[in-house]
């Protein structure tokens, strides 16, 4: 998978990796996807609870 980012976002991602927070750009994006999945699962859970 290839993605295109504006230069400002690319710099930000590279800074995150350089800071040691992530070992690679791939790891950074995997974490973003995991967090998004978790957030969406929580949203679904809230909707299900409201319907009960």
PDB file of N, CA and C in Angstrom:
ATOM      1  N   UNK A   1       0.847  -1.170   0.000  1.00  0.00           N
ATOM      2  CA  UNK A   1       0.000   0.000   0.000  1.00  0.00           C
ATOM      3  C   UNK A   1       0.896   1.237   0.000  1.00  0.00           C
ATOM      4  N   UNK A   2       0.576   2.157  -0.849  1.00  0.00           N
ATOM      5  CA  UNK A   2       1.294   3.426  -0.898  1.00  0.00           C
ATOM      6  C   UNK A   2       0.322   4.547  -0.574  1.00  0.00           C
ATOM      7  N   UNK A   3       0.796   5.521   0.177  1.00  0.00           N
ATOM      8  CA  UNK A   3      -0.036   6.677   0.472  1.00  0.00           C
ATOM      9  C   UNK A   3       0.749   7.940   0.165  1.00  0.00           C
ATOM     10  N   UNK A   4       0.016   8.983  -0.144  1.00  0.00           N
ATOM     11  CA  UNK A   4       0.635  10.286  -0.387  1.00  0.00           C
ATOM     12  C   UNK A   4       0.225  11.223   0.727  1.00  0.00           C
ATOM     13  N   UNK A   5       1.185  11.960   1.238  1.00  0.00           N
ATOM     14  CA  UNK A   5       0.923  12.919   2.301  1.00  0.00           C
ATOM     15  C   UNK A   5       1.455  14.283   1.899  1.00  0.00           C
ATOM     16  N   UNK A   6       0.796  15.336   2.382  1.00  0.00           N
ATOM     17  CA  UNK A   6       1.383  16.655   2.199  1.00  0.00           C
ATOM     18  C   UNK A   6       2.726  16.708   2.946  1.00  0.00           C
ATOM     19  N   UNK A   7       3.607  17.556   2.489  1.00  0.00           N
ATOM     20  CA  UNK A   7       4.941  17.633   3.094  1.00  0.00           C
ATOM     21  C   UNK A   7       4.892  17.836   4.600  1.00  0.00           C
ATOM     22  N   UNK A   8       3.985  18.678   5.084  1.00  0.00           N
ATOM     23  CA  UNK A   8       3.917  18.947   6.526  1.00  0.00           C
ATOM     24  C   UNK A   8       3.574  17.687   7.315  1.00  0.00           C
ATOM     25  N   UNK A   9       2.696  16.857   6.782  1.00  0.00           N
ATOM     26  CA  UNK A   9       2.343  15.608   7.462  1.00  0.00           C
ATOM     27  C   UNK A   9       3.493  14.610   7.388  1.00  0.00           C
ATOM     28  N   UNK A  10       4.152  14.557   6.262  1.00  0.00           N
ATOM     29  CA  UNK A  10       5.295  13.659   6.104  1.00  0.00           C
ATOM     30  C   UNK A  10       6.377  14.002   7.118  1.00  0.00           C
ATOM     31  N   UNK A  11       6.658  15.282   7.266  1.00  0.00           N
ATOM     32  CA  UNK A  11       7.657  15.723   8.246  1.00  0.00           C
ATOM     33  C   UNK A  11       7.235  15.310   9.651  1.00  0.00           C
ATOM     34  N   UNK A  12       5.964  15.497   9.968  1.00  0.00           N
ATOM     35  CA  UNK A  12       5.466  15.134  11.295  1.00  0.00           C
ATOM     36  C   UNK A  12       5.669  13.642  11.578  1.00  0.00           C
ATOM     37  N   UNK A  13       5.294  12.808  10.617  1.00  0.00           N
ATOM     38  CA  UNK A  13       5.445  11.355  10.793  1.00  0.00           C
ATOM     39  C   UNK A  13       6.919  10.999  10.962  1.00  0.00           C
ATOM     40  N   UNK A  14       7.761  11.571  10.148  1.00  0.00           N
ATOM     41  CA  UNK A  14       9.199  11.303  10.254  1.00  0.00           C
ATOM     42  C   UNK A  14       9.747  11.752  11.603  1.00  0.00           C
ATOM     43  N   UNK A  15       9.237  12.856  12.129  1.00  0.00           N
ATOM     44  CA  UNK A  15       9.659  13.322  13.460  1.00  0.00           C
ATOM     45  C   UNK A  15       9.245  12.340  14.544  1.00  0.00           C
ATOM     46  N   UNK A  16       8.051  11.757  14.401  1.00  0.00           N
ATOM     47  CA  UNK A  16       7.591  10.773  15.377  1.00  0.00           C
ATOM     48  C   UNK A  16       8.515   9.562  15.408  1.00  0.00           C
ATOM     49  N   UNK A  17       8.926   9.124  14.245  1.00  0.00           N
ATOM     50  CA  UNK A  17       9.838   7.974  14.156  1.00  0.00           C
ATOM     51  C   UNK A  17      11.208   8.365  14.702  1.00  0.00           C
ATOM     52  N   UNK A  18      11.710   9.540  14.315  1.00  0.00           N
ATOM     53  CA  UNK A  18      13.032   9.986  14.762  1.00  0.00           C
ATOM     54  C   UNK A  18      13.091  10.179  16.275  1.00  0.00           C
ATOM     55  N   UNK A  19      11.958  10.532  16.881  1.00  0.00           N
ATOM     56  CA  UNK A  19      11.944  10.755  18.332  1.00  0.00           C
ATOM     57  C   UNK A  19      12.048   9.452  19.117  1.00  0.00           C
ATOM     58  N   UNK A  20      11.888   8.343  18.424  1.00  0.00           N
ATOM     59  CA  UNK A  20      11.966   7.042  19.095  1.00  0.00           C
ATOM     60  C   UNK A  20      10.616   6.517  19.537  1.00  0.00           C
ATOM     61  N   UNK A  21       9.563   7.289  19.279  1.00  0.00           N
ATOM     62  CA  UNK A  21       8.230   6.834  19.664  1.00  0.00           C
ATOM     63  C   UNK A  21       7.792   5.614  18.863  1.00  0.00           C
ATOM     64  N   UNK A  22       8.289   5.512  17.644  1.00  0.00           N
ATOM     65  CA  UNK A  22       7.969   4.397  16.749  1.00  0.00           C
ATOM     66  C   UNK A  22       9.255   3.965  16.066  1.00  0.00           C
ATOM     67  N   UNK A  23       9.341   2.694  15.739  1.00  0.00           N
ATOM     68  CA  UNK A  23      10.562   2.197  15.111  1.00  0.00           C
ATOM     69  C   UNK A  23      10.570   2.382  13.600  1.00  0.00           C
ATOM     70  N   UNK A  24       9.394   2.651  13.026  1.00  0.00           N
ATOM     71  CA  UNK A  24       9.313   2.849  11.578  1.00  0.00           C
ATOM     72  C   UNK A  24       8.038   3.604  11.235  1.00  0.00           C
ATOM     73  N   UNK A  25       7.992   4.114  10.029  1.00  0.00           N
ATOM     74  CA  UNK A  25       6.783   4.772   9.534  1.00  0.00           C
ATOM     75  C   UNK A  25       5.637   3.764   9.508  1.00  0.00           C
ATOM     76  N   UNK A  26       5.935   2.554   9.121  1.00  0.00           N
ATOM     77  CA  UNK A  26       4.913   1.504   9.081  1.00  0.00           C
ATOM     78  C   UNK A  26       4.319   1.269  10.466  1.00  0.00           C
ATOM     79  N   UNK A  27       5.150   1.221  11.481  1.00  0.00           N
ATOM     80  CA  UNK A  27       4.662   1.022  12.847  1.00  0.00           C
ATOM     81  C   UNK A  27       3.753   2.181  13.268  1.00  0.00           C
ATOM     82  N   UNK A  28       4.134   3.388  12.889  1.00  0.00           N
ATOM     83  CA  UNK A  28       3.320   4.562  13.208  1.00  0.00           C
ATOM     84  C   UNK A  28       1.923   4.432  12.595  1.00  0.00           C
ATOM     85  N   UNK A  29       1.859   4.085  11.318  1.00  0.00           N
ATOM     86  CA  UNK A  29       0.559   3.967  10.663  1.00  0.00           C
ATOM     87  C   UNK A  29      -0.237   2.776  11.184  1.00  0.00           C
ATOM     88  N   UNK A  30       0.418   1.692  11.538  1.00  0.00           N
ATOM     89  CA  UNK A  30      -0.297   0.558  12.139  1.00  0.00           C
ATOM     90  C   UNK A  30      -0.953   0.979  13.450  1.00  0.00           C
ATOM     91  N   UNK A  31      -0.248   1.772  14.234  1.00  0.00           N
ATOM     92  CA  UNK A  31      -0.812   2.264  15.495  1.00  0.00           C
ATOM     93  C   UNK A  31      -2.018   3.166  15.232  1.00  0.00           C
ATOM     94  N   UNK A  32      -1.939   4.017  14.226  1.00  0.00           N
ATOM     95  CA  UNK A  32      -3.081   4.864  13.878  1.00  0.00           C
ATOM     96  C   UNK A  32      -4.301   4.023  13.509  1.00  0.00           C
ATOM     97  N   UNK A  33      -4.076   2.967  12.739  1.00  0.00           N
ATOM     98  CA  UNK A  33      -5.190   2.101  12.335  1.00  0.00           C
ATOM     99  C   UNK A  33      -5.766   1.395  13.561  1.00  0.00           C
ATOM    100  N   UNK A  34      -4.910   0.892  14.447  1.00  0.00           N
ATOM    101  CA  UNK A  34      -5.389   0.226  15.672  1.00  0.00           C
ATOM    102  C   UNK A  34      -6.235   1.183  16.509  1.00  0.00           C
ATOM    103  N   UNK A  35      -5.769   2.411  16.679  1.00  0.00           N
ATOM    104  CA  UNK A  35      -6.516   3.390  17.463  1.00  0.00           C
ATOM    105  C   UNK A  35      -7.854   3.719  16.815  1.00  0.00           C
ATOM    106  N   UNK A  36      -7.872   3.814  15.499  1.00  0.00           N
ATOM    107  CA  UNK A  36      -9.121   4.092  14.788  1.00  0.00           C
ATOM    108  C   UNK A  36     -10.101   2.931  14.948  1.00  0.00           C
ATOM    109  N   UNK A  37      -9.603   1.714  14.847  1.00  0.00           N
ATOM    110  CA  UNK A  37     -10.461   0.538  15.031  1.00  0.00           C
ATOM    111  C   UNK A  37     -11.054   0.517  16.438  1.00  0.00           C
ATOM    112  N   UNK A  38     -10.222   0.822  17.428  1.00  0.00           N
ATOM    113  CA  UNK A  38     -10.674   0.840  18.820  1.00  0.00           C
ATOM    114  C   UNK A  38     -11.741   1.919  19.014  1.00  0.00           C
ATOM    115  N   UNK A  39     -11.514   3.105  18.451  1.00  0.00           N
ATOM    116  CA  UNK A  39     -12.467   4.201  18.581  1.00  0.00           C
ATOM    117  C   UNK A  39     -13.805   3.835  17.950  1.00  0.00           C
ATOM    118  N   UNK A  40     -13.760   3.228  16.776  1.00  0.00           N
ATOM    119  CA  UNK A  40     -15.001   2.859  16.098  1.00  0.00           C
ATOM    120  C   UNK A  40     -15.744   1.750  16.843  1.00  0.00           C
ATOM    121  N   UNK A  41     -15.013   0.816  17.420  1.00  0.00           N
ATOM    122  CA  UNK A  41     -15.640  -0.244  18.207  1.00  0.00           C
ATOM    123  C   UNK A  41     -16.322   0.351  19.438  1.00  0.00           C
ATOM    124  N   UNK A  42     -15.705   1.350  20.050  1.00  0.00           N
ATOM    125  CA  UNK A  42     -16.311   2.009  21.206  1.00  0.00           C
ATOM    126  C   UNK A  42     -17.572   2.767  20.802  1.00  0.00           C
ATOM    127  N   UNK A  43     -17.555   3.393  19.630  1.00  0.00           N
ATOM    128  CA  UNK A  43     -18.743   4.096  19.133  1.00  0.00           C
ATOM    129  C   UNK A  43     -19.892   3.116  18.926  1.00  0.00           C
ATOM    130  N   UNK A  44     -19.597   1.971  18.345  1.00  0.00           N
ATOM    131  CA  UNK A  44     -20.627   0.949  18.111  1.00  0.00           C
ATOM    132  C   UNK A  44     -21.171   0.461  19.445  1.00  0.00           C
ATOM    133  N   UNK A  45     -20.284   0.275  20.406  1.00  0.00           N
ATOM    134  CA  UNK A  45     -20.694  -0.181  21.728  1.00  0.00           C
ATOM    135  C   UNK A  45     -21.634   0.824  22.383  1.00  0.00           C
ATOM    136  N   UNK A  46     -21.353   2.108  22.250  1.00  0.00           N
ATOM    137  CA  UNK A  46     -22.200   3.145  22.834  1.00  0.00           C
ATOM    138  C   UNK A  46     -23.574   3.141  22.176  1.00  0.00           C
ATOM    139  N   UNK A  47     -23.613   2.988  20.868  1.00  0.00           N
ATOM    140  CA  UNK A  47     -24.883   2.961  20.142  1.00  0.00           C
ATOM    141  C   UNK A  47     -25.700   1.761  20.584  1.00  0.00           C
ATOM    142  N   UNK A  48     -25.056   0.618  20.736  1.00  0.00           N
ATOM    143  CA  UNK A  48     -25.774  -0.582  21.169  1.00  0.00           C
ATOM    144  C   UNK A  48     -26.344  -0.408  22.580  1.00  0.00           C
ATOM    145  N   UNK A  49     -25.590   0.255  23.431  1.00  0.00           N
ATOM    146  CA  UNK A  49     -26.063   0.462  24.817  1.00  0.00           C
ATOM    147  C   UNK A  49     -27.255   1.406  24.850  1.00  0.00           C
ATOM    148  N   UNK A  50     -27.292   2.396  23.984  1.00  0.00           N
ATOM    149  CA  UNK A  50     -28.401   3.350  23.953  1.00  0.00           C
ATOM    150  C   UNK A  50     -29.683   2.704  23.474  1.00  0.00           C
ATOM    151  N   UNK A  51     -29.559   1.661  22.686  1.00  0.00           N
ATOM    152  CA  UNK A  51     -30.742   1.012  22.123  1.00  0.00           C
ATOM    153  C   UNK A  51     -31.399   0.048  23.102  1.00  0.00           C
ATOM    154  N   UNK A  52     -30.695  -0.314  24.155  1.00  0.00           N
ATOM    155  CA  UNK A  52     -31.227  -1.289  25.109  1.00  0.00           C
ATOM    156  C   UNK A  52     -32.249  -0.661  26.010  1.00  0.00           C
TER     157      UNK A  52
END
